[in-house]
Amino acid sequence: MNANTDFRMPARRFTATAAATVLAAGPMVLAGAGSAHASVDHGRASAVVLRTGLDVSLLNKTVNVPLAVSLNEVRAPRSAERTALTARLDGVDGGQPFSVLRADVASAKATVSASGAEASTNLTHARIHVPGLPLLSLIEVGQVTSKATCEAGRKPAASATLLGGVTVLGKKVTLTVGGPTEVKVPGVGEVRIDFSKTRTTSRTAAASALELHVSVNPLKLNVADVEGTLTLGSVTCESPSAAPASAPASVSAPDIKPQGAPAKSGLAETGGTSTTPFVVGAAVVLLAAGGAAVALGRRHRS
């Protein structure tokens, strides 16, 4: 192998590598500039059988115990279903576990798909207690259900139903839609109940089967003073967002011409194709590499 071969081989390798790099990288850059991906919002849904926000004061307000309970609370996008028949709070009834809810059926469900979102609850033969009333139920219901549906392209809907009787602080009551029902029991307390509260917007829906505003202080002894709210069968949903318009497959670069330069004919007239810029780029690299090789050869011979 002579001296000329020694410098020509590295130069040839450099030339081939540079050309391959330009030709391979060109289409990748084009593809990256033109592709566009958008995630689709499938909506949301949530459901909870029982939620309490009660302030419990014990022993003449010397001890305050917040009664915050959420039973069977589920949320989607990930579809979920939960069933539990009791909810308990520790350390209220003389330090013993206290049962807030007992029911034959207590379930919540939330589902989400590309076509819409839905949430529902079902509570059957339920009895709810608060501290200070160990033998008397705050409320008893036969069956209460709630449902919120948000389908893509349709107006959302929300509803709540009540089947069977309702007993509040030992008194049978009749609930009506559109206004609160107030129950007062001397020596025990009072409860205000809102039945079937619903609201909808263009994309959302919500419903609460029963909302109770509670004020209970048995015999005004301040053994257990209970104030706050309690909700049965709360559901919400949000419909999927509209799918965005599909992006173009490629984004063409703006046609920029030097000022004062005459307009050139298109690629179609000269036989050019979409790969012409990359071929030209490769040719430039090859010319540069060839020039470098010639310069090295002259330097070596001198």
C-alpha atoms as a PDB file:
ATOM      1  CA  MET A   1       0.000   0.000   0.000  1.00  0.00           C
ATOM      2  CA  ASN A   2       1.527   3.328  -1.069  1.00  0.00           C
ATOM      3  CA  ALA A   3       1.392   6.657   0.653  1.00  0.00           C
ATOM      4  CA  ASN A   4      -1.411   7.939  -1.572  1.00  0.00           C
ATOM      5  CA  THR A   5      -3.615   5.034  -0.524  1.00  0.00           C
ATOM      6  CA  ASP A   6      -2.990   5.807   3.174  1.00  0.00           C
ATOM      7  CA  PHE A   7      -4.677   9.217   3.054  1.00  0.00           C
ATOM      8  CA  ARG A   8      -7.291   8.366   0.405  1.00  0.00           C
ATOM      9  CA  MET A   9      -8.878   5.541   2.406  1.00  0.00           C
ATOM     10  CA  PRO A  10      -9.782   7.647   5.483  1.00  0.00           C
ATOM     11  CA  ALA A  11     -11.047  10.393   3.216  1.00  0.00           C
ATOM     12  CA  ARG A  12     -13.268   7.952   1.302  1.00  0.00           C
ATOM     13  CA  ARG A  13     -14.612   6.533   4.554  1.00  0.00           C
ATOM     14  CA  PHE A  14     -15.391  10.019   5.826  1.00  0.00           C
ATOM     15  CA  THR A  15     -17.120  10.892   2.554  1.00  0.00           C
ATOM     16  CA  ALA A  16     -19.308   7.767   2.589  1.00  0.00           C
ATOM     17  CA  THR A  17     -20.226   8.199   6.263  1.00  0.00           C
ATOM     18  CA  ALA A  18     -21.169  11.850   5.854  1.00  0.00           C
ATOM     19  CA  ALA A  19     -23.354  11.139   2.824  1.00  0.00           C
ATOM     20  CA  ALA A  20     -25.152   8.296   4.564  1.00  0.00           C
ATOM     21  CA  THR A  21     -25.792  10.506   7.587  1.00  0.00           C
ATOM     22  CA  VAL A  22     -27.355  13.293   5.529  1.00  0.00           C
ATOM     23  CA  LEU A  23     -29.585  10.952   3.509  1.00  0.00           C
ATOM     24  CA  ALA A  24     -30.758   9.076   6.593  1.00  0.00           C
ATOM     25  CA  ALA A  25     -31.391  12.139   8.728  1.00  0.00           C
ATOM     26  CA  GLY A  26     -33.327  14.098   6.090  1.00  0.00           C
ATOM     27  CA  PRO A  27     -36.523  12.003   6.002  1.00  0.00           C
ATOM     28  CA  MET A  28     -36.518  11.718   9.813  1.00  0.00           C
ATOM     29  CA  VAL A  29     -36.481  15.500  10.185  1.00  0.00           C
ATOM     30  CA  LEU A  30     -39.331  15.825   7.690  1.00  0.00           C
ATOM     31  CA  ALA A  31     -41.421  13.195   9.444  1.00  0.00           C
ATOM     32  CA  GLY A  32     -40.863  14.783  12.835  1.00  0.00           C
ATOM     33  CA  ALA A  33     -41.954  18.207  11.600  1.00  0.00           C
ATOM     34  CA  GLY A  34     -45.142  16.935  10.003  1.00  0.00           C
ATOM     35  CA  SER A  35     -46.554  14.517  12.602  1.00  0.00           C
ATOM     36  CA  ALA A  36     -49.007  15.666  15.278  1.00  0.00           C
ATOM     37  CA  HIS A  37     -50.725  13.645  17.998  1.00  0.00           C
ATOM     38  CA  ALA A  38     -53.522  14.848  20.292  1.00  0.00           C
ATOM     39  CA  SER A  39     -54.890  12.965  23.274  1.00  0.00           C
ATOM     40  CA  VAL A  40     -58.659  12.610  23.517  1.00  0.00           C
ATOM     41  CA  ASP A  41     -60.390  13.526  26.773  1.00  0.00           C
ATOM     42  CA  HIS A  42     -62.822  10.722  27.618  1.00  0.00           C
ATOM     43  CA  GLY A  43     -64.586  12.715  30.326  1.00  0.00           C
ATOM     44  CA  ARG A  44     -64.909  12.168  34.065  1.00  0.00           C
ATOM     45  CA  ALA A  45     -67.317  10.675  36.580  1.00  0.00           C
ATOM     46  CA  SER A  46     -67.575  10.331  40.347  1.00  0.00           C
ATOM     47  CA  ALA A  47     -70.002   8.796  42.808  1.00  0.00           C
ATOM     48  CA  VAL A  48     -70.294   8.517  46.578  1.00  0.00           C
ATOM     49  CA  VAL A  49     -73.026   6.838  48.615  1.00  0.00           C
ATOM     50  CA  LEU A  50     -72.555   8.850  51.822  1.00  0.00           C
ATOM     51  CA  ARG A  51     -70.579  11.981  52.629  1.00  0.00           C
ATOM     52  CA  THR A  52     -70.721  13.716  55.996  1.00  0.00           C
ATOM     53  CA  GLY A  53     -69.422  17.071  57.134  1.00  0.00           C
ATOM     54  CA  LEU A  54     -70.551  17.142  60.747  1.00  0.00           C
ATOM     55  CA  ASP A  55     -69.063  18.856  63.770  1.00  0.00           C
ATOM     56  CA  VAL A  56     -69.625  16.755  66.893  1.00  0.00           C
ATOM     57  CA  SER A  57     -69.141  18.460  70.279  1.00  0.00           C
ATOM     58  CA  LEU A  58     -69.031  16.152  73.274  1.00  0.00           C
ATOM     59  CA  LEU A  59     -69.339  16.816  77.000  1.00  0.00           C
ATOM     60  CA  ASN A  60     -70.539  20.406  76.871  1.00  0.00           C
ATOM     61  CA  LYS A  61     -68.254  21.280  73.955  1.00  0.00           C
ATOM     62  CA  THR A  62     -65.096  20.250  75.787  1.00  0.00           C
ATOM     63  CA  VAL A  63     -64.289  17.763  73.022  1.00  0.00           C
ATOM     64  CA  ASN A  64     -64.779  18.452  69.320  1.00  0.00           C
ATOM     65  CA  VAL A  65     -64.746  15.507  66.924  1.00  0.00           C
ATOM     66  CA  PRO A  66     -65.247  16.215  63.209  1.00  0.00           C
ATOM     67  CA  LEU A  67     -67.364  13.465  61.690  1.00  0.00           C
ATOM     68  CA  ALA A  68     -66.036  13.356  58.113  1.00  0.00           C
ATOM     69  CA  VAL A  69     -66.943  10.128  56.332  1.00  0.00           C
ATOM     70  CA  SER A  70     -67.048   9.225  52.635  1.00  0.00           C
ATOM     71  CA  LEU A  71     -68.522   5.812  51.926  1.00  0.00           C
ATOM     72  CA  ASN A  72     -68.013   4.026  48.599  1.00  0.00           C
ATOM     73  CA  GLU A  73     -66.428   7.018  46.890  1.00  0.00           C
ATOM     74  CA  VAL A  74     -65.226   6.223  43.360  1.00  0.00           C
ATOM     75  CA  ARG A  75     -63.779   8.341  40.568  1.00  0.00           C
ATOM     76  CA  ALA A  76     -63.132   7.682  36.886  1.00  0.00           C
ATOM     77  CA  PRO A  77     -61.432   7.968  34.105  1.00  0.00           C
ATOM     78  CA  ARG A  78     -60.538   4.561  35.534  1.00  0.00           C
ATOM     79  CA  SER A  79     -63.898   2.826  35.822  1.00  0.00           C
ATOM     80  CA  ALA A  80     -64.638   1.682  39.339  1.00  0.00           C
ATOM     81  CA  GLU A  81     -67.333   0.155  41.497  1.00  0.00           C
ATOM     82  CA  ARG A  82     -67.398  -0.146  45.259  1.00  0.00           C
ATOM     83  CA  THR A  83     -69.780  -1.722  47.736  1.00  0.00           C
ATOM     84  CA  ALA A  84     -69.724  -1.430  51.524  1.00  0.00           C
ATOM     85  CA  LEU A  85     -72.634  -1.728  53.898  1.00  0.00           C
ATOM     86  CA  THR A  86     -71.320   0.082  56.968  1.00  0.00           C
ATOM     87  CA  ALA A  87     -69.281   3.168  57.813  1.00  0.00           C
ATOM     88  CA  ARG A  88     -67.752   3.537  61.255  1.00  0.00           C
ATOM     89  CA  LEU A  89     -66.027   6.265  63.198  1.00  0.00           C
ATOM     90  CA  ASP A  90     -63.711   5.373  66.081  1.00  0.00           C
ATOM     91  CA  GLY A  91     -63.452   7.135  69.434  1.00  0.00           C
ATOM     92  CA  VAL A  92     -66.824   8.904  69.538  1.00  0.00           C
ATOM     93  CA  ASP A  93     -69.264   6.737  71.494  1.00  0.00           C
ATOM     94  CA  GLY A  94     -67.362   6.462  74.770  1.00  0.00           C
ATOM     95  CA  GLY A  95     -64.202   5.584  72.866  1.00  0.00           C
ATOM     96  CA  GLN A  96     -65.928   2.740  71.043  1.00  0.00           C
ATOM     97  CA  PRO A  97     -66.388   2.428  67.251  1.00  0.00           C
ATOM     98  CA  PHE A  98     -69.546   4.208  66.167  1.00  0.00           C
ATOM     99  CA  SER A  99     -71.619   3.051  63.162  1.00  0.00           C
ATOM    100  CA  VAL A 100     -72.721   5.970  61.027  1.00  0.00           C
ATOM    101  CA  LEU A 101     -74.436   3.886  58.347  1.00  0.00           C
ATOM    102  CA  ARG A 102     -75.989   0.444  58.106  1.00  0.00           C
ATOM    103  CA  ALA A 103     -77.617  -0.687  54.859  1.00  0.00           C
ATOM    104  CA  ASP A 104     -78.695  -3.786  52.961  1.00  0.00           C
ATOM    105  CA  VAL A 105     -77.313  -2.334  49.729  1.00  0.00           C
ATOM    106  CA  ALA A 106     -74.804   0.507  49.387  1.00  0.00           C
ATOM    107  CA  SER A 107     -73.009   0.755  46.055  1.00  0.00           C
ATOM    108  CA  ALA A 108     -71.397   3.414  43.874  1.00  0.00           C
ATOM    109  CA  LYS A 109     -70.258   3.091  40.264  1.00  0.00           C
ATOM    110  CA  ALA A 110     -68.396   5.367  37.849  1.00  0.00           C
ATOM    111  CA  THR A 111     -67.556   4.499  34.241  1.00  0.00           C
ATOM    112  CA  VAL A 112     -65.851   6.413  31.443  1.00  0.00           C
ATOM    113  CA  SER A 113     -65.424   5.557  27.768  1.00  0.00           C
ATOM    114  CA  ALA A 114     -64.913   7.334  24.472  1.00  0.00           C
ATOM    115  CA  SER A 115     -68.696   7.622  24.081  1.00  0.00           C
ATOM    116  CA  GLY A 116     -69.362   9.213  27.463  1.00  0.00           C
ATOM    117  CA  ALA A 117     -69.188   9.174  31.264  1.00  0.00           C
ATOM    118  CA  GLU A 118     -71.719   7.886  33.796  1.00  0.00           C
ATOM    119  CA  ALA A 119     -72.040   7.688  37.578  1.00  0.00           C
ATOM    120  CA  SER A 120     -74.679   6.067  39.773  1.00  0.00           C
ATOM    121  CA  THR A 121     -75.426   5.131  43.384  1.00  0.00           C
ATOM    122  CA  ASN A 122     -77.871   2.767  45.059  1.00  0.00           C
ATOM    123  CA  LEU A 123     -78.752   2.763  48.761  1.00  0.00           C
ATOM    124  CA  THR A 124     -81.378   0.335  50.079  1.00  0.00           C
ATOM    125  CA  HIS A 125     -82.824  -0.100  53.576  1.00  0.00           C
ATOM    126  CA  ALA A 126     -80.374   2.362  55.055  1.00  0.00           C
ATOM    127  CA  ARG A 127     -80.206   3.706  58.604  1.00  0.00           C
ATOM    128  CA  ILE A 128     -77.969   6.620  59.543  1.00  0.00           C
ATOM    129  CA  HIS A 129     -76.972   7.466  63.094  1.00  0.00           C
ATOM    130  CA  VAL A 130     -75.129  10.370  64.706  1.00  0.00           C
ATOM    131  CA  PRO A 131     -73.453  10.509  68.125  1.00  0.00           C
ATOM    132  CA  GLY A 132     -75.803  11.224  71.018  1.00  0.00           C
ATOM    133  CA  LEU A 133     -78.634   9.192  69.459  1.00  0.00           C
ATOM    134  CA  PRO A 134     -77.525   5.570  69.835  1.00  0.00           C
ATOM    135  CA  LEU A 135     -81.059   4.147  69.604  1.00  0.00           C
ATOM    136  CA  LEU A 136     -82.737   6.651  67.288  1.00  0.00           C
ATOM    137  CA  SER A 137     -81.860   6.898  63.605  1.00  0.00           C
ATOM    138  CA  LEU A 138     -81.239  10.320  62.168  1.00  0.00           C
ATOM    139  CA  ILE A 139     -82.864   9.094  58.945  1.00  0.00           C
ATOM    140  CA  GLU A 140     -84.101   5.803  57.515  1.00  0.00           C
ATOM    141  CA  VAL A 141     -84.841   5.292  53.806  1.00  0.00           C
ATOM    142  CA  GLY A 142     -86.326   2.414  51.807  1.00  0.00           C
ATOM    143  CA  GLN A 143     -84.350   2.941  48.615  1.00  0.00           C
ATOM    144  CA  VAL A 144     -82.683   5.986  47.122  1.00  0.00           C
ATOM    145  CA  THR A 145     -80.763   6.116  43.841  1.00  0.00           C
ATOM    146  CA  SER A 146     -78.977   8.790  41.830  1.00  0.00           C
ATOM    147  CA  LYS A 147     -77.571   8.878  38.314  1.00  0.00           C
ATOM    148  CA  ALA A 148     -75.638  11.297  36.102  1.00  0.00           C
ATOM    149  CA  THR A 149     -75.065  10.633  32.387  1.00  0.00           C
ATOM    150  CA  CYS A 150     -72.819  12.660  30.068  1.00  0.00           C
ATOM    151  CA  GLU A 151     -72.828  11.226  26.538  1.00  0.00           C
ATOM    152  CA  ALA A 152     -70.673  12.690  23.808  1.00  0.00           C
ATOM    153  CA  GLY A 153     -72.687  15.003  21.582  1.00  0.00           C
ATOM    154  CA  ARG A 154     -75.779  14.964  23.838  1.00  0.00           C
ATOM    155  CA  LYS A 155     -77.090  17.131  26.636  1.00  0.00           C
ATOM    156  CA  PRO A 156     -76.041  15.742  30.049  1.00  0.00           C
ATOM    157  CA  ALA A 157     -78.760  14.415  32.359  1.00  0.00           C
ATOM    158  CA  ALA A 158     -79.039  13.927  36.129  1.00  0.00           C
ATOM    159  CA  SER A 159     -81.761  12.338  38.262  1.00  0.00           C
ATOM    160  CA  ALA A 160     -82.532  10.952  41.705  1.00  0.00           C
ATOM    161  CA  THR A 161     -85.313   8.627  42.799  1.00  0.00           C
ATOM    162  CA  LEU A 162     -86.780   7.681  46.145  1.00  0.00           C
ATOM    163  CA  LEU A 163     -88.763   4.504  46.762  1.00  0.00           C
ATOM    164  CA  GLY A 164     -90.375   3.433  50.012  1.00  0.00           C
ATOM    165  CA  GLY A 165     -90.845   5.429  53.173  1.00  0.00           C
ATOM    166  CA  VAL A 166     -88.607   7.972  54.864  1.00  0.00           C
ATOM    167  CA  THR A 167     -88.307   8.372  58.623  1.00  0.00           C
ATOM    168  CA  VAL A 168     -86.472  11.297  60.224  1.00  0.00           C
ATOM    169  CA  LEU A 169     -85.790  11.334  63.962  1.00  0.00           C
ATOM    170  CA  GLY A 170     -88.515   8.742  64.395  1.00  0.00           C
ATOM    171  CA  LYS A 171     -91.137  10.662  62.373  1.00  0.00           C
ATOM    172  CA  LYS A 172     -92.428   9.530  58.962  1.00  0.00           C
ATOM    173  CA  VAL A 173     -92.158  12.314  56.407  1.00  0.00           C
ATOM    174  CA  THR A 174     -93.039  12.947  52.774  1.00  0.00           C
ATOM    175  CA  LEU A 175     -90.330  14.550  50.695  1.00  0.00           C
ATOM    176  CA  THR A 176     -91.053  16.825  47.746  1.00  0.00           C
ATOM    177  CA  VAL A 177     -88.897  18.060  44.885  1.00  0.00           C
ATOM    178  CA  GLY A 178     -88.290  21.787  44.664  1.00  0.00           C
ATOM    179  CA  GLY A 179     -88.238  22.742  48.314  1.00  0.00           C
ATOM    180  CA  PRO A 180     -86.752  21.646  51.631  1.00  0.00           C
ATOM    181  CA  THR A 181     -88.645  19.510  54.126  1.00  0.00           C
ATOM    182  CA  GLU A 182     -88.102  20.519  57.751  1.00  0.00           C
ATOM    183  CA  VAL A 183     -88.456  18.099  60.625  1.00  0.00           C
ATOM    184  CA  LYS A 184     -88.350  19.324  64.213  1.00  0.00           C
ATOM    185  CA  VAL A 185     -88.503  17.025  67.209  1.00  0.00           C
ATOM    186  CA  PRO A 186     -88.631  18.767  70.621  1.00  0.00           C
ATOM    187  CA  GLY A 187     -85.881  17.671  72.963  1.00  0.00           C
ATOM    188  CA  VAL A 188     -83.942  16.012  70.116  1.00  0.00           C
ATOM    189  CA  GLY A 189     -83.185  18.429  67.307  1.00  0.00           C
ATOM    190  CA  GLU A 190     -84.126  19.420  63.802  1.00  0.00           C
ATOM    191  CA  VAL A 191     -83.264  18.325  60.287  1.00  0.00           C
ATOM    192  CA  ARG A 192     -83.829  20.101  56.958  1.00  0.00           C
ATOM    193  CA  ILE A 193     -83.874  17.836  53.907  1.00  0.00           C
ATOM    194  CA  ASP A 194     -83.476  18.699  50.220  1.00  0.00           C
ATOM    195  CA  PHE A 195     -84.567  15.909  47.887  1.00  0.00           C
ATOM    196  CA  SER A 196     -83.305  15.351  44.346  1.00  0.00           C
ATOM    197  CA  LYS A 197     -81.065  18.350  43.811  1.00  0.00           C
ATOM    198  CA  THR A 198     -79.768  18.270  40.234  1.00  0.00           C
ATOM    199  CA  ARG A 199     -77.867  20.622  37.947  1.00  0.00           C
ATOM    200  CA  THR A 200     -76.614  20.384  34.370  1.00  0.00           C
ATOM    201  CA  THR A 201     -74.491  22.427  31.981  1.00  0.00           C
ATOM    202  CA  SER A 202     -73.518  21.897  28.360  1.00  0.00           C
ATOM    203  CA  ARG A 203     -70.948  19.251  29.387  1.00  0.00           C
ATOM    204  CA  THR A 204     -71.570  18.384  33.058  1.00  0.00           C
ATOM    205  CA  ALA A 205     -74.271  16.924  35.275  1.00  0.00           C
ATOM    206  CA  ALA A 206     -74.606  16.419  39.021  1.00  0.00           C
ATOM    207  CA  ALA A 207     -77.204  15.053  41.399  1.00  0.00           C
ATOM    208  CA  SER A 208     -77.649  14.567  45.123  1.00  0.00           C
ATOM    209  CA  ALA A 209     -80.440  12.255  46.171  1.00  0.00           C
ATOM    210  CA  LEU A 210     -80.727  13.650  49.707  1.00  0.00           C
ATOM    211  CA  GLU A 211     -78.987  16.568  51.405  1.00  0.00           C
ATOM    212  CA  LEU A 212     -79.535  16.916  55.148  1.00  0.00           C
ATOM    213  CA  HIS A 213     -78.740  19.953  57.287  1.00  0.00           C
ATOM    214  CA  VAL A 214     -78.575  18.628  60.822  1.00  0.00           C
ATOM    215  CA  SER A 215     -78.790  20.253  64.248  1.00  0.00           C
ATOM    216  CA  VAL A 216     -79.132  17.700  67.018  1.00  0.00           C
ATOM    217  CA  ASN A 217     -78.660  18.182  70.787  1.00  0.00           C
ATOM    218  CA  PRO A 218     -80.693  15.584  72.698  1.00  0.00           C
ATOM    219  CA  LEU A 219     -82.514  17.121  75.673  1.00  0.00           C
ATOM    220  CA  LYS A 220     -80.162  20.118  75.400  1.00  0.00           C
ATOM    221  CA  LEU A 221     -77.827  18.235  77.706  1.00  0.00           C
ATOM    222  CA  ASN A 222     -74.775  19.064  75.558  1.00  0.00           C
ATOM    223  CA  VAL A 223     -73.709  15.443  75.809  1.00  0.00           C
ATOM    224  CA  ALA A 224     -73.466  15.374  72.018  1.00  0.00           C
ATOM    225  CA  ASP A 225     -74.154  18.484  69.975  1.00  0.00           C
ATOM    226  CA  VAL A 226     -74.133  17.668  66.242  1.00  0.00           C
ATOM    227  CA  GLU A 227     -74.130  20.343  63.543  1.00  0.00           C
ATOM    228  CA  GLY A 228     -73.440  20.146  59.837  1.00  0.00           C
ATOM    229  CA  THR A 229     -74.436  18.497  56.576  1.00  0.00           C
ATOM    230  CA  LEU A 230     -74.889  14.991  55.304  1.00  0.00           C
ATOM    231  CA  THR A 231     -75.336  13.902  51.675  1.00  0.00           C
ATOM    232  CA  LEU A 232     -76.725  10.641  50.306  1.00  0.00           C
ATOM    233  CA  GLY A 233     -76.197   9.519  46.716  1.00  0.00           C
ATOM    234  CA  SER A 234     -73.975  12.214  45.196  1.00  0.00           C
ATOM    235  CA  VAL A 235     -72.917  11.787  41.544  1.00  0.00           C
ATOM    236  CA  THR A 236     -71.173  13.945  38.923  1.00  0.00           C
ATOM    237  CA  CYS A 237     -70.049  13.498  35.326  1.00  0.00           C
ATOM    238  CA  GLU A 238     -68.365  15.416  32.514  1.00  0.00           C
ATOM    239  CA  SER A 239     -68.767  14.500  28.854  1.00  0.00           C
ATOM    240  CA  PRO A 240     -65.760  13.861  26.587  1.00  0.00           C
ATOM    241  CA  SER A 241     -64.336  16.894  24.842  1.00  0.00           C
ATOM    242  CA  ALA A 242     -64.759  17.197  21.096  1.00  0.00           C
ATOM    243  CA  ALA A 243     -62.047  15.414  19.145  1.00  0.00           C
ATOM    244  CA  PRO A 244     -59.572  17.926  17.697  1.00  0.00           C
ATOM    245  CA  ALA A 245     -59.282  18.289  13.939  1.00  0.00           C
ATOM    246  CA  SER A 246     -56.631  15.984  12.507  1.00  0.00           C
ATOM    247  CA  ALA A 247     -53.309  17.660  11.824  1.00  0.00           C
ATOM    248  CA  PRO A 248     -51.892  17.622   8.270  1.00  0.00           C
ATOM    249  CA  ALA A 249     -49.534  14.793   7.470  1.00  0.00           C
ATOM    250  CA  SER A 250     -46.697  17.161   6.736  1.00  0.00           C
ATOM    251  CA  VAL A 251     -45.854  20.793   7.236  1.00  0.00           C
ATOM    252  CA  SER A 252     -44.209  22.411   4.227  1.00  0.00           C
ATOM    253  CA  ALA A 253     -41.510  24.978   4.786  1.00  0.00           C
ATOM    254  CA  PRO A 254     -42.326  28.531   3.692  1.00  0.00           C
ATOM    255  CA  ASP A 255     -41.180  29.482   0.206  1.00  0.00           C
ATOM    256  CA  ILE A 256     -38.541  32.114   0.953  1.00  0.00           C
ATOM    257  CA  LYS A 257     -36.765  33.795  -1.984  1.00  0.00           C
ATOM    258  CA  PRO A 258     -33.939  36.351  -1.927  1.00  0.00           C
ATOM    259  CA  GLN A 259     -35.207  39.890  -2.453  1.00  0.00           C
ATOM    260  CA  GLY A 260     -34.943  40.974  -6.069  1.00  0.00           C
ATOM    261  CA  ALA A 261     -34.277  37.439  -7.316  1.00  0.00           C
ATOM    262  CA  PRO A 262     -36.469  36.293 -10.220  1.00  0.00           C
ATOM    263  CA  ALA A 263     -38.977  33.575  -9.458  1.00  0.00           C
ATOM    264  CA  LYS A 264     -37.742  30.103 -10.341  1.00  0.00           C
ATOM    265  CA  SER A 265     -39.754  27.377 -11.937  1.00  0.00           C
ATOM    266  CA  GLY A 266     -41.083  24.606  -9.694  1.00  0.00           C
ATOM    267  CA  LEU A 267     -39.498  21.256  -8.987  1.00  0.00           C
ATOM    268  CA  ALA A 268     -41.854  19.573 -11.419  1.00  0.00           C
ATOM    269  CA  GLU A 269     -40.320  21.542 -14.333  1.00  0.00           C
ATOM    270  CA  THR A 270     -36.776  20.517 -13.447  1.00  0.00           C
ATOM    271  CA  GLY A 271     -37.529  16.927 -12.598  1.00  0.00           C
ATOM    272  CA  GLY A 272     -37.028  17.486  -8.874  1.00  0.00           C
ATOM    273  CA  THR A 273     -38.824  15.513  -6.153  1.00  0.00           C
ATOM    274  CA  SER A 274     -39.386  15.869  -2.431  1.00  0.00           C
ATOM    275  CA  THR A 275     -36.041  14.169  -1.795  1.00  0.00           C
ATOM    276  CA  THR A 276     -34.091  16.700  -3.868  1.00  0.00           C
ATOM    277  CA  PRO A 277     -33.005  18.811  -0.851  1.00  0.00           C
ATOM    278  CA  PHE A 278     -31.451  15.757   0.778  1.00  0.00           C
ATOM    279  CA  VAL A 279     -29.647  14.713  -2.421  1.00  0.00           C
ATOM    280  CA  VAL A 280     -28.286  18.238  -2.759  1.00  0.00           C
ATOM    281  CA  GLY A 281     -27.191  18.169   0.866  1.00  0.00           C
ATOM    282  CA  ALA A 282     -25.388  14.880   0.313  1.00  0.00           C
ATOM    283  CA  ALA A 283     -23.663  16.278  -2.775  1.00  0.00           C
ATOM    284  CA  VAL A 284     -22.396  19.254  -0.785  1.00  0.00           C
ATOM    285  CA  VAL A 285     -20.951  16.929   1.846  1.00  0.00           C
ATOM    286  CA  LEU A 286     -19.321  14.778  -0.859  1.00  0.00           C
ATOM    287  CA  LEU A 287     -17.755  17.838  -2.509  1.00  0.00           C
ATOM    288  CA  ALA A 288     -16.425  19.067   0.831  1.00  0.00           C
ATOM    289  CA  ALA A 289     -15.001  15.645   1.643  1.00  0.00           C
ATOM    290  CA  GLY A 290     -13.400  15.359  -1.827  1.00  0.00           C
ATOM    291  CA  GLY A 291     -11.798  18.749  -1.454  1.00  0.00           C
ATOM    292  CA  ALA A 292     -10.401  17.727   1.913  1.00  0.00           C
ATOM    293  CA  ALA A 293      -8.975  14.545   0.387  1.00  0.00           C
ATOM    294  CA  VAL A 294      -7.267  16.465  -2.454  1.00  0.00           C
ATOM    295  CA  ALA A 295      -5.779  18.937  -0.004  1.00  0.00           C
ATOM    296  CA  LEU A 296      -4.402  16.123   2.117  1.00  0.00           C
ATOM    297  CA  GLY A 297      -2.907  14.433  -0.962  1.00  0.00           C
ATOM    298  CA  ARG A 298      -1.130  17.595  -2.104  1.00  0.00           C
ATOM    299  CA  ARG A 299       0.188  18.218   1.384  1.00  0.00           C
ATOM    300  CA  HIS A 300       1.485  14.629   1.595  1.00  0.00           C
ATOM    301  CA  ARG A 301       3.228  14.819  -1.819  1.00  0.00           C
ATOM    302  CA  SER A 302       4.880  18.092  -0.953  1.00  0.00           C
END
